[in-house]
Amino acid sequence: MTQRLFIAIYPPAAAVADLAAVASQLPFSRPHAEGLSLRPVPPEQWHVTVAFLGILDDPQTAAAQAAMRTAAAGTVRAPRLRLTGGGRFDNGRAGAAWTGLDGDLEVLHDLATRLRGALAGADVPFDARPYQPHLTLARPGDRLDPGQWREVLDRLDAYAGPAWPAAALSLMRSDHPVSNHYTEIFAAPLPRG
């Protein structure tokens, strides 16, 4: 069996609720936004991707789980993070809205590097683009005018949520394109410290 997989860190409910209060005020989240092609990501799907793996078979999935255990075990402590700021990934007229992270970013980058090294050592394919931690709030669209984008970016620039420790690396199955749903199939807890 093959599955489309990624490895992520999920913020806790309190951090999600805090950000959701701000996101609900952004132009793409308003009731009149139905005609916009920028689609908000539901808060229950908000995550920080650490590695995108793509489509893996069962042996590769098992190897990815072992790599996650190795990376988690080699981490001195879980990174303490905060969702803050934000921006737009620009793709011509289309773009995605995101919020960034602050806190133990060096620890997070070390964890991502360790994970990618373990994945490579296990011959598990992954997207090797430079790691840019973020949480996607809305997927690409082309119908926000410049004033609406300015409002989105101004509100995100001013945002700073509560701090939280990352609890685990979660191996997630993406059920897209059948549905926009993610299912956790494995978790590697991160050390508390």
N, C-alpha and C. Protein backbone atom coordinates (compact mmCIF):
# COMPACT_ATOMS: atom_id res chain seq x y z
N MET A 1 0.85 -1.18 0.00
CA MET A 1 0.00 0.00 0.00
C MET A 1 0.89 1.24 0.00
N THR A 2 0.46 2.27 -0.72
CA THR A 2 1.19 3.54 -0.71
C THR A 2 0.33 4.61 -0.04
N GLN A 3 1.03 5.59 0.56
CA GLN A 3 0.35 6.69 1.23
C GLN A 3 1.13 7.98 0.98
N ARG A 4 0.42 9.09 0.93
CA ARG A 4 1.05 10.40 0.82
C ARG A 4 1.29 10.91 2.23
N LEU A 5 2.56 11.12 2.60
CA LEU A 5 2.91 11.38 4.00
C LEU A 5 3.74 12.65 4.19
N PHE A 6 3.63 13.20 5.38
CA PHE A 6 4.51 14.28 5.81
C PHE A 6 4.71 14.17 7.31
N ILE A 7 5.77 14.81 7.81
CA ILE A 7 6.07 14.80 9.24
C ILE A 7 5.88 16.22 9.75
N ALA A 8 5.13 16.34 10.85
CA ALA A 8 4.77 17.66 11.33
C ALA A 8 4.82 17.75 12.85
N ILE A 9 4.80 18.98 13.31
CA ILE A 9 4.60 19.31 14.72
C ILE A 9 3.26 20.04 14.79
N TYR A 10 2.42 19.61 15.71
CA TYR A 10 1.11 20.25 15.88
C TYR A 10 1.11 21.15 17.11
N PRO A 11 0.65 22.38 16.96
CA PRO A 11 0.54 23.25 18.13
C PRO A 11 -0.61 22.77 19.03
N PRO A 12 -0.52 23.06 20.33
CA PRO A 12 -1.59 22.64 21.24
C PRO A 12 -2.85 23.47 21.04
N ALA A 13 -3.94 23.00 21.62
CA ALA A 13 -5.26 23.63 21.45
C ALA A 13 -5.26 25.10 21.83
N ALA A 14 -4.56 25.48 22.91
CA ALA A 14 -4.56 26.88 23.34
C ALA A 14 -3.91 27.78 22.29
N ALA A 15 -2.82 27.32 21.68
CA ALA A 15 -2.16 28.11 20.64
C ALA A 15 -3.03 28.21 19.39
N VAL A 16 -3.71 27.12 19.05
CA VAL A 16 -4.61 27.13 17.90
C VAL A 16 -5.77 28.08 18.14
N ALA A 17 -6.36 28.05 19.32
CA ALA A 17 -7.49 28.93 19.63
C ALA A 17 -7.08 30.40 19.58
N ASP A 18 -5.89 30.70 20.07
CA ASP A 18 -5.41 32.09 20.07
C ASP A 18 -5.25 32.59 18.63
N LEU A 19 -4.62 31.80 17.79
CA LEU A 19 -4.43 32.19 16.39
C LEU A 19 -5.76 32.21 15.64
N ALA A 20 -6.65 31.27 15.95
CA ALA A 20 -7.95 31.22 15.26
C ALA A 20 -8.75 32.50 15.51
N ALA A 21 -8.62 33.10 16.69
CA ALA A 21 -9.33 34.34 16.99
C ALA A 21 -8.86 35.46 16.06
N VAL A 22 -7.58 35.48 15.73
CA VAL A 22 -7.04 36.49 14.81
C VAL A 22 -7.40 36.13 13.37
N ALA A 23 -7.21 34.87 13.00
CA ALA A 23 -7.46 34.43 11.62
C ALA A 23 -8.91 34.63 11.22
N SER A 24 -9.82 34.51 12.18
CA SER A 24 -11.25 34.67 11.86
C SER A 24 -11.58 36.08 11.42
N GLN A 25 -10.70 37.03 11.67
CA GLN A 25 -10.91 38.42 11.27
C GLN A 25 -10.26 38.78 9.95
N LEU A 26 -9.54 37.85 9.34
CA LEU A 26 -8.85 38.13 8.09
C LEU A 26 -9.83 38.05 6.92
N PRO A 27 -9.56 38.81 5.85
CA PRO A 27 -10.52 38.89 4.74
C PRO A 27 -10.96 37.54 4.18
N PHE A 28 -10.07 36.57 4.06
CA PHE A 28 -10.45 35.29 3.47
C PHE A 28 -11.30 34.44 4.41
N SER A 29 -11.45 34.86 5.67
CA SER A 29 -12.25 34.10 6.64
C SER A 29 -13.64 34.68 6.84
N ARG A 30 -13.91 35.82 6.25
CA ARG A 30 -15.19 36.51 6.45
C ARG A 30 -16.30 35.88 5.62
N PRO A 31 -17.55 36.00 6.07
CA PRO A 31 -18.68 35.40 5.33
C PRO A 31 -18.76 35.85 3.88
N HIS A 32 -18.43 37.11 3.60
CA HIS A 32 -18.54 37.60 2.22
C HIS A 32 -17.41 37.08 1.34
N ALA A 33 -16.51 36.27 1.89
CA ALA A 33 -15.34 35.83 1.15
C ALA A 33 -15.62 34.60 0.28
N GLU A 34 -16.87 34.20 0.15
CA GLU A 34 -17.18 32.97 -0.58
C GLU A 34 -16.65 32.96 -2.01
N GLY A 35 -16.59 34.11 -2.66
CA GLY A 35 -16.13 34.14 -4.03
C GLY A 35 -14.62 34.18 -4.16
N LEU A 36 -13.89 34.23 -3.04
CA LEU A 36 -12.44 34.30 -3.11
C LEU A 36 -11.86 32.91 -3.33
N SER A 37 -10.76 32.85 -4.05
CA SER A 37 -10.15 31.56 -4.29
C SER A 37 -9.08 31.24 -3.25
N LEU A 38 -8.79 32.17 -2.35
CA LEU A 38 -7.88 31.88 -1.25
C LEU A 38 -8.69 31.13 -0.20
N ARG A 39 -8.33 29.87 0.03
CA ARG A 39 -9.14 29.00 0.88
C ARG A 39 -8.51 28.85 2.25
N PRO A 40 -9.23 29.22 3.31
CA PRO A 40 -8.65 29.06 4.65
C PRO A 40 -8.47 27.58 5.00
N VAL A 41 -7.38 27.29 5.69
CA VAL A 41 -7.13 25.95 6.21
C VAL A 41 -7.86 25.85 7.54
N PRO A 42 -8.67 24.83 7.77
CA PRO A 42 -9.37 24.70 9.05
C PRO A 42 -8.37 24.59 10.21
N PRO A 43 -8.65 25.26 11.33
CA PRO A 43 -7.72 25.23 12.47
C PRO A 43 -7.32 23.83 12.92
N GLU A 44 -8.20 22.86 12.80
CA GLU A 44 -7.84 21.50 13.24
C GLU A 44 -6.77 20.87 12.35
N GLN A 45 -6.49 21.49 11.20
CA GLN A 45 -5.45 20.98 10.30
C GLN A 45 -4.16 21.79 10.39
N TRP A 46 -4.13 22.82 11.22
CA TRP A 46 -2.93 23.65 11.32
C TRP A 46 -1.77 22.85 11.88
N HIS A 47 -0.64 22.92 11.21
CA HIS A 47 0.55 22.19 11.63
C HIS A 47 1.79 22.88 11.07
N VAL A 48 2.92 22.52 11.64
CA VAL A 48 4.22 23.00 11.17
C VAL A 48 4.90 21.79 10.52
N THR A 49 5.02 21.80 9.21
CA THR A 49 5.66 20.69 8.51
C THR A 49 7.15 20.69 8.82
N VAL A 50 7.68 19.53 9.17
CA VAL A 50 9.12 19.39 9.40
C VAL A 50 9.77 18.72 8.19
N ALA A 51 9.05 17.80 7.55
CA ALA A 51 9.54 17.17 6.32
C ALA A 51 8.35 16.66 5.51
N PHE A 52 8.33 17.01 4.23
CA PHE A 52 7.32 16.46 3.33
C PHE A 52 7.94 15.25 2.64
N LEU A 53 7.26 14.11 2.72
CA LEU A 53 7.82 12.86 2.20
C LEU A 53 7.26 12.48 0.85
N GLY A 54 6.02 12.79 0.57
CA GLY A 54 5.40 12.37 -0.67
C GLY A 54 4.80 10.98 -0.53
N ILE A 55 4.71 10.27 -1.62
CA ILE A 55 4.05 8.96 -1.63
C ILE A 55 5.08 7.87 -1.29
N LEU A 56 4.81 7.14 -0.19
CA LEU A 56 5.70 6.08 0.28
C LEU A 56 4.96 4.75 0.32
N ASP A 57 5.72 3.67 0.12
CA ASP A 57 5.15 2.34 0.29
C ASP A 57 5.35 1.90 1.75
N ASP A 58 4.89 0.70 2.08
CA ASP A 58 4.95 0.24 3.47
C ASP A 58 6.38 0.15 4.02
N PRO A 59 7.34 -0.44 3.29
CA PRO A 59 8.70 -0.48 3.83
C PRO A 59 9.29 0.93 4.04
N GLN A 60 9.01 1.86 3.13
CA GLN A 60 9.50 3.23 3.30
C GLN A 60 8.83 3.90 4.49
N THR A 61 7.55 3.62 4.70
CA THR A 61 6.83 4.19 5.84
C THR A 61 7.43 3.69 7.15
N ALA A 62 7.75 2.40 7.22
CA ALA A 62 8.40 1.85 8.41
C ALA A 62 9.78 2.49 8.62
N ALA A 63 10.51 2.71 7.55
CA ALA A 63 11.82 3.35 7.65
C ALA A 63 11.68 4.80 8.10
N ALA A 64 10.63 5.49 7.65
CA ALA A 64 10.39 6.87 8.09
C ALA A 64 10.10 6.91 9.59
N GLN A 65 9.34 5.95 10.09
CA GLN A 65 9.05 5.89 11.52
C GLN A 65 10.33 5.67 12.33
N ALA A 66 11.20 4.80 11.85
CA ALA A 66 12.47 4.57 12.53
C ALA A 66 13.32 5.84 12.51
N ALA A 67 13.32 6.55 11.39
CA ALA A 67 14.07 7.81 11.30
C ALA A 67 13.52 8.85 12.28
N MET A 68 12.21 8.88 12.43
CA MET A 68 11.59 9.81 13.38
C MET A 68 12.02 9.49 14.81
N ARG A 69 12.03 8.20 15.16
CA ARG A 69 12.48 7.78 16.50
C ARG A 69 13.93 8.21 16.74
N THR A 70 14.77 8.00 15.73
CA THR A 70 16.19 8.37 15.84
C THR A 70 16.34 9.88 16.05
N ALA A 71 15.63 10.66 15.24
CA ALA A 71 15.73 12.12 15.35
C ALA A 71 15.21 12.61 16.70
N ALA A 72 14.09 12.06 17.17
CA ALA A 72 13.52 12.48 18.45
C ALA A 72 14.45 12.10 19.60
N ALA A 73 15.03 10.89 19.54
CA ALA A 73 15.91 10.43 20.61
C ALA A 73 17.19 11.26 20.68
N GLY A 74 17.63 11.80 19.55
CA GLY A 74 18.85 12.61 19.53
C GLY A 74 18.64 14.06 19.89
N THR A 75 17.41 14.44 20.16
CA THR A 75 17.10 15.83 20.51
C THR A 75 17.25 16.02 22.01
N VAL A 76 18.00 17.02 22.40
CA VAL A 76 18.24 17.29 23.83
C VAL A 76 16.95 17.68 24.53
N ARG A 77 16.16 18.51 23.88
CA ARG A 77 14.88 18.94 24.46
C ARG A 77 13.95 19.36 23.33
N ALA A 78 12.67 19.30 23.63
CA ALA A 78 11.67 19.75 22.65
C ALA A 78 11.78 21.26 22.48
N PRO A 79 11.69 21.74 21.25
CA PRO A 79 11.73 23.20 21.07
C PRO A 79 10.48 23.85 21.66
N ARG A 80 10.69 24.98 22.32
CA ARG A 80 9.58 25.79 22.82
C ARG A 80 9.32 26.84 21.74
N LEU A 81 8.11 26.84 21.21
CA LEU A 81 7.79 27.65 20.03
C LEU A 81 6.65 28.62 20.31
N ARG A 82 6.49 29.57 19.42
CA ARG A 82 5.39 30.53 19.47
C ARG A 82 5.03 30.88 18.04
N LEU A 83 3.75 30.85 17.71
CA LEU A 83 3.29 31.29 16.39
C LEU A 83 3.27 32.81 16.41
N THR A 84 3.92 33.40 15.42
CA THR A 84 4.04 34.85 15.43
C THR A 84 4.30 35.37 14.02
N GLY A 85 3.84 36.59 13.78
CA GLY A 85 4.10 37.23 12.49
C GLY A 85 3.43 36.49 11.36
N GLY A 86 3.93 36.68 10.18
CA GLY A 86 3.37 35.96 9.04
C GLY A 86 3.71 36.63 7.74
N GLY A 87 3.12 36.12 6.69
CA GLY A 87 3.40 36.66 5.37
C GLY A 87 2.65 35.91 4.30
N ARG A 88 3.20 36.03 3.10
CA ARG A 88 2.57 35.46 1.91
C ARG A 88 3.64 34.78 1.08
N PHE A 89 3.40 33.52 0.72
CA PHE A 89 4.23 32.87 -0.29
C PHE A 89 3.65 33.30 -1.62
N ASP A 90 4.43 34.02 -2.39
CA ASP A 90 3.95 34.61 -3.63
C ASP A 90 4.25 33.69 -4.80
N ASN A 91 3.23 33.49 -5.63
CA ASN A 91 3.37 32.68 -6.82
C ASN A 91 2.65 33.42 -7.94
N GLY A 92 3.24 34.54 -8.35
CA GLY A 92 2.56 35.38 -9.34
C GLY A 92 1.36 36.03 -8.70
N ARG A 93 0.18 35.86 -9.31
CA ARG A 93 -1.05 36.44 -8.76
C ARG A 93 -1.56 35.64 -7.58
N ALA A 94 -1.18 34.37 -7.48
CA ALA A 94 -1.66 33.52 -6.40
C ALA A 94 -0.67 33.55 -5.24
N GLY A 95 -1.13 33.22 -4.06
CA GLY A 95 -0.26 33.17 -2.90
C GLY A 95 -0.93 32.41 -1.78
N ALA A 96 -0.14 32.03 -0.79
CA ALA A 96 -0.65 31.38 0.40
C ALA A 96 -0.31 32.25 1.59
N ALA A 97 -1.25 32.39 2.53
CA ALA A 97 -1.01 33.15 3.75
C ALA A 97 -0.48 32.21 4.82
N TRP A 98 0.51 32.67 5.59
CA TRP A 98 1.12 31.84 6.61
C TRP A 98 1.46 32.68 7.84
N THR A 99 1.63 31.99 8.96
CA THR A 99 2.17 32.61 10.15
C THR A 99 3.49 31.91 10.45
N GLY A 100 4.41 32.67 11.02
CA GLY A 100 5.74 32.14 11.30
C GLY A 100 5.88 31.63 12.72
N LEU A 101 7.11 31.33 13.08
CA LEU A 101 7.41 30.83 14.42
C LEU A 101 8.54 31.62 15.02
N ASP A 102 8.53 31.64 16.34
CA ASP A 102 9.59 32.26 17.13
C ASP A 102 9.88 31.30 18.27
N GLY A 103 10.91 31.56 19.01
CA GLY A 103 11.26 30.71 20.14
C GLY A 103 12.54 29.96 19.86
N ASP A 104 12.56 28.66 20.19
CA ASP A 104 13.74 27.83 20.04
C ASP A 104 13.92 27.38 18.59
N LEU A 105 14.10 28.36 17.71
CA LEU A 105 14.21 28.02 16.28
C LEU A 105 15.48 27.24 15.98
N GLU A 106 16.56 27.51 16.71
CA GLU A 106 17.79 26.76 16.48
C GLU A 106 17.57 25.29 16.83
N VAL A 107 16.85 25.02 17.92
CA VAL A 107 16.54 23.64 18.31
C VAL A 107 15.64 23.00 17.25
N LEU A 108 14.65 23.75 16.73
CA LEU A 108 13.76 23.23 15.69
C LEU A 108 14.54 22.92 14.42
N HIS A 109 15.43 23.82 14.01
CA HIS A 109 16.24 23.58 12.81
C HIS A 109 17.16 22.39 13.00
N ASP A 110 17.74 22.24 14.19
CA ASP A 110 18.59 21.08 14.48
C ASP A 110 17.77 19.78 14.37
N LEU A 111 16.55 19.82 14.91
CA LEU A 111 15.67 18.65 14.84
C LEU A 111 15.35 18.31 13.38
N ALA A 112 15.02 19.33 12.59
CA ALA A 112 14.72 19.12 11.17
C ALA A 112 15.93 18.55 10.43
N THR A 113 17.11 19.08 10.74
CA THR A 113 18.34 18.59 10.10
C THR A 113 18.62 17.14 10.50
N ARG A 114 18.45 16.83 11.78
CA ARG A 114 18.65 15.47 12.26
C ARG A 114 17.65 14.51 11.59
N LEU A 115 16.40 14.95 11.50
CA LEU A 115 15.37 14.12 10.87
C LEU A 115 15.70 13.88 9.41
N ARG A 116 16.06 14.92 8.68
CA ARG A 116 16.38 14.76 7.27
C ARG A 116 17.59 13.85 7.07
N GLY A 117 18.56 13.96 7.96
CA GLY A 117 19.71 13.07 7.89
C GLY A 117 19.32 11.61 8.10
N ALA A 118 18.44 11.38 9.08
CA ALA A 118 17.98 10.01 9.35
C ALA A 118 17.14 9.48 8.19
N LEU A 119 16.33 10.34 7.59
CA LEU A 119 15.53 9.92 6.43
C LEU A 119 16.44 9.56 5.26
N ALA A 120 17.43 10.41 5.00
CA ALA A 120 18.36 10.16 3.89
C ALA A 120 19.13 8.86 4.13
N GLY A 121 19.56 8.64 5.39
CA GLY A 121 20.29 7.42 5.72
C GLY A 121 19.46 6.16 5.55
N ALA A 122 18.13 6.32 5.64
CA ALA A 122 17.23 5.18 5.48
C ALA A 122 16.66 5.09 4.06
N ASP A 123 17.16 5.93 3.15
CA ASP A 123 16.69 5.97 1.76
C ASP A 123 15.21 6.28 1.65
N VAL A 124 14.73 7.15 2.54
CA VAL A 124 13.34 7.61 2.48
C VAL A 124 13.35 8.96 1.74
N PRO A 125 12.63 9.08 0.63
CA PRO A 125 12.62 10.34 -0.10
C PRO A 125 11.89 11.44 0.69
N PHE A 126 12.37 12.67 0.51
CA PHE A 126 11.74 13.83 1.14
C PHE A 126 12.08 15.07 0.33
N ASP A 127 11.29 16.11 0.53
CA ASP A 127 11.52 17.39 -0.15
C ASP A 127 12.72 18.05 0.53
N ALA A 128 13.81 18.21 -0.20
CA ALA A 128 15.06 18.71 0.37
C ALA A 128 15.23 20.23 0.28
N ARG A 129 14.17 20.94 -0.10
CA ARG A 129 14.30 22.40 -0.13
C ARG A 129 14.68 22.92 1.25
N PRO A 130 15.33 24.08 1.32
CA PRO A 130 15.70 24.63 2.63
C PRO A 130 14.49 24.73 3.56
N TYR A 131 14.72 24.41 4.83
CA TYR A 131 13.63 24.37 5.80
C TYR A 131 13.21 25.78 6.19
N GLN A 132 11.94 26.07 6.05
CA GLN A 132 11.37 27.36 6.43
C GLN A 132 10.13 27.09 7.28
N PRO A 133 10.29 27.02 8.61
CA PRO A 133 9.15 26.68 9.45
C PRO A 133 8.04 27.72 9.38
N HIS A 134 6.82 27.25 9.20
CA HIS A 134 5.66 28.12 9.12
C HIS A 134 4.40 27.28 9.29
N LEU A 135 3.29 27.95 9.46
CA LEU A 135 1.98 27.30 9.54
C LEU A 135 1.11 27.96 8.48
N THR A 136 0.58 27.18 7.54
CA THR A 136 -0.24 27.72 6.46
C THR A 136 -1.65 28.01 6.96
N LEU A 137 -2.09 29.25 6.77
CA LEU A 137 -3.44 29.68 7.18
C LEU A 137 -4.45 29.58 6.04
N ALA A 138 -3.99 29.84 4.82
CA ALA A 138 -4.88 29.80 3.66
C ALA A 138 -4.08 29.39 2.44
N ARG A 139 -4.68 28.56 1.62
CA ARG A 139 -4.01 28.06 0.43
C ARG A 139 -4.16 29.03 -0.74
N PRO A 140 -3.34 28.85 -1.77
CA PRO A 140 -3.27 29.84 -2.84
C PRO A 140 -4.61 30.24 -3.46
N GLY A 141 -4.63 31.49 -3.83
CA GLY A 141 -5.78 32.07 -4.50
C GLY A 141 -5.34 33.33 -5.19
N ASP A 142 -6.19 33.86 -6.04
CA ASP A 142 -5.79 35.05 -6.79
C ASP A 142 -6.79 36.19 -6.70
N ARG A 143 -7.74 36.11 -5.78
CA ARG A 143 -8.78 37.13 -5.79
C ARG A 143 -8.74 38.08 -4.60
N LEU A 144 -7.68 38.07 -3.82
CA LEU A 144 -7.54 39.10 -2.79
C LEU A 144 -6.88 40.29 -3.47
N ASP A 145 -7.50 41.45 -3.35
CA ASP A 145 -6.89 42.63 -3.95
C ASP A 145 -5.74 43.10 -3.05
N PRO A 146 -4.89 44.00 -3.55
CA PRO A 146 -3.74 44.44 -2.77
C PRO A 146 -4.11 45.01 -1.39
N GLY A 147 -5.24 45.69 -1.29
CA GLY A 147 -5.67 46.22 0.00
C GLY A 147 -6.01 45.11 0.99
N GLN A 148 -6.66 44.05 0.50
CA GLN A 148 -6.98 42.92 1.37
C GLN A 148 -5.71 42.19 1.79
N TRP A 149 -4.77 42.01 0.86
CA TRP A 149 -3.49 41.39 1.24
C TRP A 149 -2.77 42.24 2.27
N ARG A 150 -2.81 43.56 2.11
CA ARG A 150 -2.14 44.45 3.07
C ARG A 150 -2.76 44.26 4.45
N GLU A 151 -4.10 44.13 4.52
CA GLU A 151 -4.77 43.90 5.81
C GLU A 151 -4.32 42.58 6.42
N VAL A 152 -4.26 41.52 5.60
CA VAL A 152 -3.81 40.21 6.09
C VAL A 152 -2.40 40.33 6.66
N LEU A 153 -1.50 40.93 5.89
CA LEU A 153 -0.10 41.00 6.31
C LEU A 153 0.08 41.90 7.53
N ASP A 154 -0.66 43.01 7.61
CA ASP A 154 -0.56 43.89 8.78
C ASP A 154 -1.03 43.18 10.05
N ARG A 155 -2.14 42.46 9.95
CA ARG A 155 -2.65 41.75 11.14
C ARG A 155 -1.69 40.64 11.56
N LEU A 156 -1.13 39.92 10.59
CA LEU A 156 -0.19 38.86 10.93
C LEU A 156 1.11 39.42 11.49
N ASP A 157 1.58 40.54 10.93
CA ASP A 157 2.80 41.17 11.45
C ASP A 157 2.67 41.50 12.93
N ALA A 158 1.46 41.87 13.36
CA ALA A 158 1.23 42.28 14.75
C ALA A 158 0.95 41.10 15.68
N TYR A 159 0.84 39.89 15.13
CA TYR A 159 0.43 38.74 15.94
C TYR A 159 1.61 38.09 16.67
N ALA A 160 1.39 37.76 17.93
CA ALA A 160 2.33 36.95 18.72
C ALA A 160 1.50 36.10 19.67
N GLY A 161 1.49 34.80 19.45
CA GLY A 161 0.71 33.89 20.27
C GLY A 161 1.45 33.41 21.50
N PRO A 162 0.81 32.55 22.28
CA PRO A 162 1.44 32.00 23.48
C PRO A 162 2.53 30.98 23.13
N ALA A 163 3.51 30.85 24.00
CA ALA A 163 4.59 29.88 23.80
C ALA A 163 4.12 28.48 24.21
N TRP A 164 4.69 27.48 23.54
CA TRP A 164 4.32 26.08 23.82
C TRP A 164 5.47 25.15 23.44
N PRO A 165 5.61 24.04 24.19
CA PRO A 165 6.64 23.07 23.82
C PRO A 165 6.11 22.11 22.77
N ALA A 166 6.92 21.80 21.78
CA ALA A 166 6.53 20.81 20.78
C ALA A 166 6.49 19.44 21.47
N ALA A 167 5.39 18.74 21.32
CA ALA A 167 5.20 17.47 22.03
C ALA A 167 5.77 16.28 21.27
N ALA A 168 5.65 16.28 19.95
CA ALA A 168 6.03 15.08 19.18
C ALA A 168 6.22 15.43 17.71
N LEU A 169 6.93 14.55 17.04
CA LEU A 169 6.93 14.53 15.58
C LEU A 169 5.80 13.59 15.17
N SER A 170 4.91 14.06 14.34
CA SER A 170 3.75 13.26 13.92
C SER A 170 3.88 12.91 12.45
N LEU A 171 3.77 11.62 12.15
CA LEU A 171 3.74 11.17 10.76
C LEU A 171 2.29 11.19 10.31
N MET A 172 2.00 12.04 9.34
CA MET A 172 0.64 12.30 8.92
C MET A 172 0.39 11.79 7.51
N ARG A 173 -0.78 11.18 7.33
CA ARG A 173 -1.24 10.78 6.00
C ARG A 173 -2.18 11.86 5.49
N SER A 174 -1.92 12.31 4.28
CA SER A 174 -2.79 13.27 3.63
C SER A 174 -3.78 12.51 2.76
N ASP A 175 -5.06 12.73 3.00
CA ASP A 175 -6.09 12.05 2.23
C ASP A 175 -6.51 12.86 1.00
N HIS A 176 -5.76 13.91 0.70
CA HIS A 176 -6.01 14.71 -0.48
C HIS A 176 -5.66 13.87 -1.71
N PRO A 177 -6.31 13.85 -2.81
CA PRO A 177 -7.41 14.72 -3.19
C PRO A 177 -8.79 14.19 -2.83
N VAL A 178 -8.88 13.03 -2.19
CA VAL A 178 -10.19 12.49 -1.82
C VAL A 178 -10.88 13.43 -0.83
N SER A 179 -10.14 13.88 0.16
CA SER A 179 -10.66 14.85 1.12
C SER A 179 -9.50 15.70 1.60
N ASN A 180 -9.80 16.80 2.23
CA ASN A 180 -8.77 17.65 2.81
C ASN A 180 -8.62 17.28 4.28
N HIS A 181 -8.21 16.07 4.53
CA HIS A 181 -8.11 15.56 5.89
C HIS A 181 -6.74 14.93 6.10
N TYR A 182 -6.20 15.07 7.31
CA TYR A 182 -4.94 14.44 7.66
C TYR A 182 -5.18 13.46 8.80
N THR A 183 -4.49 12.33 8.76
CA THR A 183 -4.61 11.32 9.80
C THR A 183 -3.23 11.00 10.34
N GLU A 184 -3.07 11.07 11.66
CA GLU A 184 -1.80 10.71 12.27
C GLU A 184 -1.68 9.19 12.27
N ILE A 185 -0.56 8.68 11.73
CA ILE A 185 -0.36 7.23 11.72
C ILE A 185 0.78 6.80 12.64
N PHE A 186 1.56 7.76 13.13
CA PHE A 186 2.65 7.45 14.04
C PHE A 186 3.10 8.74 14.72
N ALA A 187 3.56 8.64 15.97
CA ALA A 187 4.10 9.80 16.68
C ALA A 187 5.37 9.40 17.40
N ALA A 188 6.37 10.26 17.32
CA ALA A 188 7.63 10.08 18.05
C ALA A 188 7.70 11.21 19.08
N PRO A 189 7.44 10.92 20.36
CA PRO A 189 7.46 11.98 21.37
C PRO A 189 8.83 12.64 21.47
N LEU A 190 8.81 13.95 21.74
CA LEU A 190 10.05 14.69 21.92
C LEU A 190 10.33 14.81 23.42
N PRO A 191 11.61 14.81 23.80
CA PRO A 191 11.92 14.84 25.23
C PRO A 191 11.52 16.17 25.87
N ARG A 192 11.01 16.07 27.06
CA ARG A 192 10.71 17.29 27.82
C ARG A 192 11.94 17.65 28.62
N GLY A 193 12.20 18.94 28.69
CA GLY A 193 13.40 19.30 29.43
C GLY A 193 13.55 20.76 29.61
